[in-house]
Amino acid sequence: MPFNSDAPSSQRPTEDRLTYLLRLTSSPYTPPSSPPKSSSKSSLSPVNIWRLPPLRYLGYINELGETLKPHLSTSTSFIYPLSYLMATGYVVTDSYVHAGMEKEKGKGWGISFADGFTWQIFASVLIPGFVINRTVAGVTAVALNRGMALKKSQNLGSIVGLGVIPVIVKPIDEFVEWGMDVSVRRFYK
């Protein structure tokens, strides 16, 4: 049965849906549960689902937690640490999957995991979280010093913090890549 993207999901064969997803990406990873196919469709690139939206956005959920932090009451304060737990969980999972991909290429699993984890934890969790935290706090403080009410100041800080997220991603990624290249990667690459 040929793949029909207009058909309801329940009416599409599982293999055809997987084949369609594999065509959407050029990521070189095959999930461990998927055996390699020996058919003529072998030209398809395997996919690491952790690098595809919406799962990819889990790596940035702590930034959302930072922007919401001023608005959380005692009863909802668990959301802030939960956002970091989710982002860190994403980092560990993606690093594990990526290390499996590297092992299949003949590279060491441990080094690949450590490299991926270090890069992800700095580029997706620690540095962006710090930048957003300081942005929200700084904008809120400036607004308060200018006579704006507390709630309005917090709202402004959160809005600016949300606006900064897409702007900081690429520079932070490049900075972490450079930082690792000139430091720890010299020992194992």
C-alpha atoms as a PDB file:
ATOM      1  CA  MET A   1       0.000   0.000   0.000  1.00  0.00           C
ATOM      2  CA  PRO A   2       1.616   3.323  -1.013  1.00  0.00           C
ATOM      3  CA  PHE A   3       2.003   6.065   1.560  1.00  0.00           C
ATOM      4  CA  ASN A   4      -0.852   8.546   1.511  1.00  0.00           C
ATOM      5  CA  SER A   5      -0.109  11.522   3.746  1.00  0.00           C
ATOM      6  CA  ASP A   6      -3.748  12.636   3.483  1.00  0.00           C
ATOM      7  CA  ALA A   7      -5.111   9.396   4.945  1.00  0.00           C
ATOM      8  CA  PRO A   8      -5.832   9.270   8.689  1.00  0.00           C
ATOM      9  CA  SER A   9      -2.868   8.021  10.707  1.00  0.00           C
ATOM     10  CA  SER A  10      -4.678   4.842  11.738  1.00  0.00           C
ATOM     11  CA  GLN A  11      -5.120   3.866   8.070  1.00  0.00           C
ATOM     12  CA  ARG A  12      -1.452   4.229   7.137  1.00  0.00           C
ATOM     13  CA  PRO A  13       0.821   1.177   7.380  1.00  0.00           C
ATOM     14  CA  THR A  14       3.451   1.579  10.111  1.00  0.00           C
ATOM     15  CA  GLU A  15       6.359   0.815   7.781  1.00  0.00           C
ATOM     16  CA  ASP A  16       5.230   3.450   5.280  1.00  0.00           C
ATOM     17  CA  ARG A  17       4.892   6.066   8.051  1.00  0.00           C
ATOM     18  CA  LEU A  18       8.408   5.249   9.232  1.00  0.00           C
ATOM     19  CA  THR A  19       9.732   5.446   5.678  1.00  0.00           C
ATOM     20  CA  TYR A  20       8.082   8.844   5.272  1.00  0.00           C
ATOM     21  CA  LEU A  21       9.650  10.109   8.511  1.00  0.00           C
ATOM     22  CA  LEU A  22      13.046   8.830   7.456  1.00  0.00           C
ATOM     23  CA  ARG A  23      12.841  10.841   4.264  1.00  0.00           C
ATOM     24  CA  LEU A  24      12.158  14.054   6.217  1.00  0.00           C
ATOM     25  CA  THR A  25      15.592  14.151   7.783  1.00  0.00           C
ATOM     26  CA  SER A  26      19.198  13.561   6.884  1.00  0.00           C
ATOM     27  CA  SER A  27      20.287  12.596  10.414  1.00  0.00           C
ATOM     28  CA  PRO A  28      22.586   9.551  10.227  1.00  0.00           C
ATOM     29  CA  TYR A  29      21.195   7.590  13.202  1.00  0.00           C
ATOM     30  CA  THR A  30      19.026   4.478  13.272  1.00  0.00           C
ATOM     31  CA  PRO A  31      17.122   3.916  16.514  1.00  0.00           C
ATOM     32  CA  PRO A  32      18.276   0.661  18.176  1.00  0.00           C
ATOM     33  CA  SER A  33      14.794  -0.888  17.925  1.00  0.00           C
ATOM     34  CA  SER A  34      14.724  -0.504  14.124  1.00  0.00           C
ATOM     35  CA  PRO A  35      16.605  -3.260  12.278  1.00  0.00           C
ATOM     36  CA  PRO A  36      18.462  -2.169   9.148  1.00  0.00           C
ATOM     37  CA  LYS A  37      16.456  -2.710   5.995  1.00  0.00           C
ATOM     38  CA  SER A  38      17.981  -4.714   3.185  1.00  0.00           C
ATOM     39  CA  SER A  39      15.467  -3.667   0.551  1.00  0.00           C
ATOM     40  CA  SER A  40      15.986  -1.244  -2.304  1.00  0.00           C
ATOM     41  CA  LYS A  41      14.975   1.581   0.065  1.00  0.00           C
ATOM     42  CA  SER A  42      18.437   1.475   1.703  1.00  0.00           C
ATOM     43  CA  SER A  43      19.240   4.931   0.313  1.00  0.00           C
ATOM     44  CA  LEU A  44      17.069   6.444   3.051  1.00  0.00           C
ATOM     45  CA  SER A  45      18.933   8.107   5.889  1.00  0.00           C
ATOM     46  CA  PRO A  46      18.104   6.865   9.390  1.00  0.00           C
ATOM     47  CA  VAL A  47      16.642   9.348  11.850  1.00  0.00           C
ATOM     48  CA  ASN A  48      17.399  10.379  15.419  1.00  0.00           C
ATOM     49  CA  ILE A  49      13.935  11.358  16.623  1.00  0.00           C
ATOM     50  CA  TRP A  50      15.462  13.361  19.490  1.00  0.00           C
ATOM     51  CA  ARG A  51      16.776  15.870  16.943  1.00  0.00           C
ATOM     52  CA  LEU A  52      13.332  16.481  15.409  1.00  0.00           C
ATOM     53  CA  PRO A  53      10.715  18.925  16.686  1.00  0.00           C
ATOM     54  CA  PRO A  54       8.844  18.744  19.032  1.00  0.00           C
ATOM     55  CA  LEU A  55      11.230  16.484  20.998  1.00  0.00           C
ATOM     56  CA  ARG A  56      14.161  18.789  20.189  1.00  0.00           C
ATOM     57  CA  TYR A  57      12.437  21.622  22.025  1.00  0.00           C
ATOM     58  CA  LEU A  58      12.685  19.700  25.310  1.00  0.00           C
ATOM     59  CA  GLY A  59      16.317  20.818  25.400  1.00  0.00           C
ATOM     60  CA  TYR A  60      15.140  24.409  25.699  1.00  0.00           C
ATOM     61  CA  ILE A  61      12.297  23.943  28.176  1.00  0.00           C
ATOM     62  CA  ASN A  62      14.416  25.229  31.066  1.00  0.00           C
ATOM     63  CA  GLU A  63      14.553  28.596  29.305  1.00  0.00           C
ATOM     64  CA  LEU A  64      10.779  28.716  29.435  1.00  0.00           C
ATOM     65  CA  GLY A  65      11.045  27.866  33.142  1.00  0.00           C
ATOM     66  CA  GLU A  66      13.396  30.825  33.618  1.00  0.00           C
ATOM     67  CA  THR A  67      10.937  33.217  31.987  1.00  0.00           C
ATOM     68  CA  LEU A  68       8.041  31.894  34.087  1.00  0.00           C
ATOM     69  CA  LYS A  69       9.947  31.856  37.389  1.00  0.00           C
ATOM     70  CA  PRO A  70       8.797  35.333  38.544  1.00  0.00           C
ATOM     71  CA  HIS A  71       5.160  34.317  38.034  1.00  0.00           C
ATOM     72  CA  LEU A  72       5.212  31.029  39.945  1.00  0.00           C
ATOM     73  CA  SER A  73       3.448  30.875  43.286  1.00  0.00           C
ATOM     74  CA  THR A  74       4.370  28.515  46.090  1.00  0.00           C
ATOM     75  CA  SER A  75       1.909  25.921  44.798  1.00  0.00           C
ATOM     76  CA  THR A  76       3.355  25.999  41.266  1.00  0.00           C
ATOM     77  CA  SER A  77       7.015  26.504  42.159  1.00  0.00           C
ATOM     78  CA  PHE A  78       7.745  22.864  41.191  1.00  0.00           C
ATOM     79  CA  ILE A  79       7.498  23.938  37.523  1.00  0.00           C
ATOM     80  CA  TYR A  80      10.858  25.723  37.645  1.00  0.00           C
ATOM     81  CA  PRO A  81      13.009  22.738  38.757  1.00  0.00           C
ATOM     82  CA  LEU A  82      10.857  20.434  36.623  1.00  0.00           C
ATOM     83  CA  SER A  83      11.841  22.459  33.538  1.00  0.00           C
ATOM     84  CA  TYR A  84      15.522  21.825  34.315  1.00  0.00           C
ATOM     85  CA  LEU A  85      14.849  18.148  35.010  1.00  0.00           C
ATOM     86  CA  MET A  86      13.108  17.784  31.635  1.00  0.00           C
ATOM     87  CA  ALA A  87      15.877  19.625  29.760  1.00  0.00           C
ATOM     88  CA  THR A  88      18.572  17.546  31.457  1.00  0.00           C
ATOM     89  CA  GLY A  89      16.624  14.368  30.707  1.00  0.00           C
ATOM     90  CA  TYR A  90      16.528  15.392  27.055  1.00  0.00           C
ATOM     91  CA  VAL A  91      20.297  16.011  27.083  1.00  0.00           C
ATOM     92  CA  VAL A  92      21.050  12.588  28.595  1.00  0.00           C
ATOM     93  CA  THR A  93      18.711  10.784  26.194  1.00  0.00           C
ATOM     94  CA  ASP A  94      19.965  12.580  23.088  1.00  0.00           C
ATOM     95  CA  SER A  95      23.590  12.022  24.135  1.00  0.00           C
ATOM     96  CA  TYR A  96      22.892   8.314  24.649  1.00  0.00           C
ATOM     97  CA  VAL A  97      21.248   7.952  21.236  1.00  0.00           C
ATOM     98  CA  HIS A  98      23.969   9.981  19.510  1.00  0.00           C
ATOM     99  CA  ALA A  99      26.696   7.888  21.191  1.00  0.00           C
ATOM    100  CA  GLY A 100      25.004   4.772  19.800  1.00  0.00           C
ATOM    101  CA  MET A 101      25.168   6.299  16.338  1.00  0.00           C
ATOM    102  CA  GLU A 102      28.869   7.069  16.776  1.00  0.00           C
ATOM    103  CA  LYS A 103      29.554   3.529  18.047  1.00  0.00           C
ATOM    104  CA  GLU A 104      28.046   2.160  14.838  1.00  0.00           C
ATOM    105  CA  LYS A 105      30.594   4.273  12.949  1.00  0.00           C
ATOM    106  CA  GLY A 106      33.398   2.621  14.919  1.00  0.00           C
ATOM    107  CA  LYS A 107      33.960   5.400  17.447  1.00  0.00           C
ATOM    108  CA  GLY A 108      34.071   4.897  21.205  1.00  0.00           C
ATOM    109  CA  TRP A 109      30.673   5.042  22.915  1.00  0.00           C
ATOM    110  CA  GLY A 110      31.977   6.571  26.169  1.00  0.00           C
ATOM    111  CA  ILE A 111      33.882   9.405  24.511  1.00  0.00           C
ATOM    112  CA  SER A 112      30.970  10.112  22.162  1.00  0.00           C
ATOM    113  CA  PHE A 113      28.516  10.185  25.067  1.00  0.00           C
ATOM    114  CA  ALA A 114      30.756  12.448  27.177  1.00  0.00           C
ATOM    115  CA  ASP A 115      31.345  14.814  24.250  1.00  0.00           C
ATOM    116  CA  GLY A 116      27.659  15.001  23.343  1.00  0.00           C
ATOM    117  CA  PHE A 117      26.565  15.367  26.960  1.00  0.00           C
ATOM    118  CA  THR A 118      29.105  18.111  27.677  1.00  0.00           C
ATOM    119  CA  TRP A 119      28.156  20.040  24.553  1.00  0.00           C
ATOM    120  CA  GLN A 120      24.404  19.669  25.142  1.00  0.00           C
ATOM    121  CA  ILE A 121      24.472  20.484  28.863  1.00  0.00           C
ATOM    122  CA  PHE A 122      26.365  23.721  28.220  1.00  0.00           C
ATOM    123  CA  ALA A 123      24.663  24.745  24.948  1.00  0.00           C
ATOM    124  CA  SER A 124      21.104  23.719  25.817  1.00  0.00           C
ATOM    125  CA  VAL A 125      20.809  23.990  29.601  1.00  0.00           C
ATOM    126  CA  LEU A 126      23.461  25.866  31.591  1.00  0.00           C
ATOM    127  CA  ILE A 127      24.456  28.852  29.447  1.00  0.00           C
ATOM    128  CA  PRO A 128      21.000  29.632  27.979  1.00  0.00           C
ATOM    129  CA  GLY A 129      19.409  29.232  31.419  1.00  0.00           C
ATOM    130  CA  PHE A 130      21.896  31.679  32.911  1.00  0.00           C
ATOM    131  CA  VAL A 131      21.483  34.200  30.065  1.00  0.00           C
ATOM    132  CA  ILE A 132      17.679  34.102  30.252  1.00  0.00           C
ATOM    133  CA  ASN A 133      17.715  34.288  34.058  1.00  0.00           C
ATOM    134  CA  ARG A 134      19.919  37.380  34.023  1.00  0.00           C
ATOM    135  CA  THR A 135      17.922  38.948  31.176  1.00  0.00           C
ATOM    136  CA  VAL A 136      14.612  38.532  33.011  1.00  0.00           C
ATOM    137  CA  ALA A 137      16.102  39.748  36.306  1.00  0.00           C
ATOM    138  CA  GLY A 138      17.849  42.707  34.655  1.00  0.00           C
ATOM    139  CA  VAL A 139      14.838  43.914  32.679  1.00  0.00           C
ATOM    140  CA  THR A 140      12.607  43.507  35.740  1.00  0.00           C
ATOM    141  CA  ALA A 141      15.052  45.479  37.923  1.00  0.00           C
ATOM    142  CA  VAL A 142      15.381  48.303  35.385  1.00  0.00           C
ATOM    143  CA  ALA A 143      11.593  48.508  35.002  1.00  0.00           C
ATOM    144  CA  LEU A 144      11.144  48.635  38.790  1.00  0.00           C
ATOM    145  CA  ASN A 145      13.792  51.365  39.089  1.00  0.00           C
ATOM    146  CA  ARG A 146      11.893  53.382  36.484  1.00  0.00           C
ATOM    147  CA  GLY A 147       8.750  53.247  38.611  1.00  0.00           C
ATOM    148  CA  MET A 148       6.857  50.431  36.902  1.00  0.00           C
ATOM    149  CA  ALA A 149       4.639  48.269  39.113  1.00  0.00           C
ATOM    150  CA  LEU A 150       6.030  44.892  40.216  1.00  0.00           C
ATOM    151  CA  LYS A 151       3.661  42.715  38.143  1.00  0.00           C
ATOM    152  CA  LYS A 152       4.167  44.835  35.018  1.00  0.00           C
ATOM    153  CA  SER A 153       7.939  44.733  35.555  1.00  0.00           C
ATOM    154  CA  GLN A 154       7.855  40.955  35.867  1.00  0.00           C
ATOM    155  CA  ASN A 155       5.671  40.664  32.771  1.00  0.00           C
ATOM    156  CA  LEU A 156       8.058  42.852  30.797  1.00  0.00           C
ATOM    157  CA  GLY A 157      11.050  40.813  32.005  1.00  0.00           C
ATOM    158  CA  SER A 158       9.343  37.573  30.961  1.00  0.00           C
ATOM    159  CA  ILE A 159       8.368  38.923  27.536  1.00  0.00           C
ATOM    160  CA  VAL A 160      11.900  40.153  26.842  1.00  0.00           C
ATOM    161  CA  GLY A 161      13.287  36.829  28.135  1.00  0.00           C
ATOM    162  CA  LEU A 162      11.063  34.894  25.737  1.00  0.00           C
ATOM    163  CA  GLY A 163      12.116  37.187  22.893  1.00  0.00           C
ATOM    164  CA  VAL A 164      15.798  36.612  23.612  1.00  0.00           C
ATOM    165  CA  ILE A 165      15.572  32.800  23.363  1.00  0.00           C
ATOM    166  CA  PRO A 166      15.694  32.475  19.550  1.00  0.00           C
ATOM    167  CA  VAL A 167      18.415  35.130  19.340  1.00  0.00           C
ATOM    168  CA  ILE A 168      20.862  33.421  21.718  1.00  0.00           C
ATOM    169  CA  VAL A 169      20.678  29.838  20.422  1.00  0.00           C
ATOM    170  CA  LYS A 170      23.134  30.026  17.508  1.00  0.00           C
ATOM    171  CA  PRO A 171      25.774  32.229  19.223  1.00  0.00           C
ATOM    172  CA  ILE A 172      25.763  29.961  22.287  1.00  0.00           C
ATOM    173  CA  ASP A 173      25.997  26.821  20.128  1.00  0.00           C
ATOM    174  CA  GLU A 174      28.972  28.278  18.246  1.00  0.00           C
ATOM    175  CA  PHE A 175      30.644  29.448  21.473  1.00  0.00           C
ATOM    176  CA  VAL A 176      30.320  26.017  23.099  1.00  0.00           C
ATOM    177  CA  GLU A 177      31.585  24.309  19.925  1.00  0.00           C
ATOM    178  CA  TRP A 178      34.623  26.609  19.848  1.00  0.00           C
ATOM    179  CA  GLY A 179      35.207  26.246  23.595  1.00  0.00           C
ATOM    180  CA  MET A 180      35.220  22.470  23.400  1.00  0.00           C
ATOM    181  CA  ASP A 181      37.428  22.469  20.281  1.00  0.00           C
ATOM    182  CA  VAL A 182      40.121  24.551  22.005  1.00  0.00           C
ATOM    183  CA  SER A 183      39.932  22.667  25.302  1.00  0.00           C
ATOM    184  CA  VAL A 184      38.700  19.127  26.016  1.00  0.00           C
ATOM    185  CA  ARG A 185      38.403  17.909  22.417  1.00  0.00           C
ATOM    186  CA  ARG A 186      42.143  18.356  21.928  1.00  0.00           C
ATOM    187  CA  PHE A 187      42.630  15.272  24.096  1.00  0.00           C
ATOM    188  CA  TYR A 188      40.419  12.866  22.167  1.00  0.00           C
ATOM    189  CA  LYS A 189      39.819  14.121  18.622  1.00  0.00           C
END
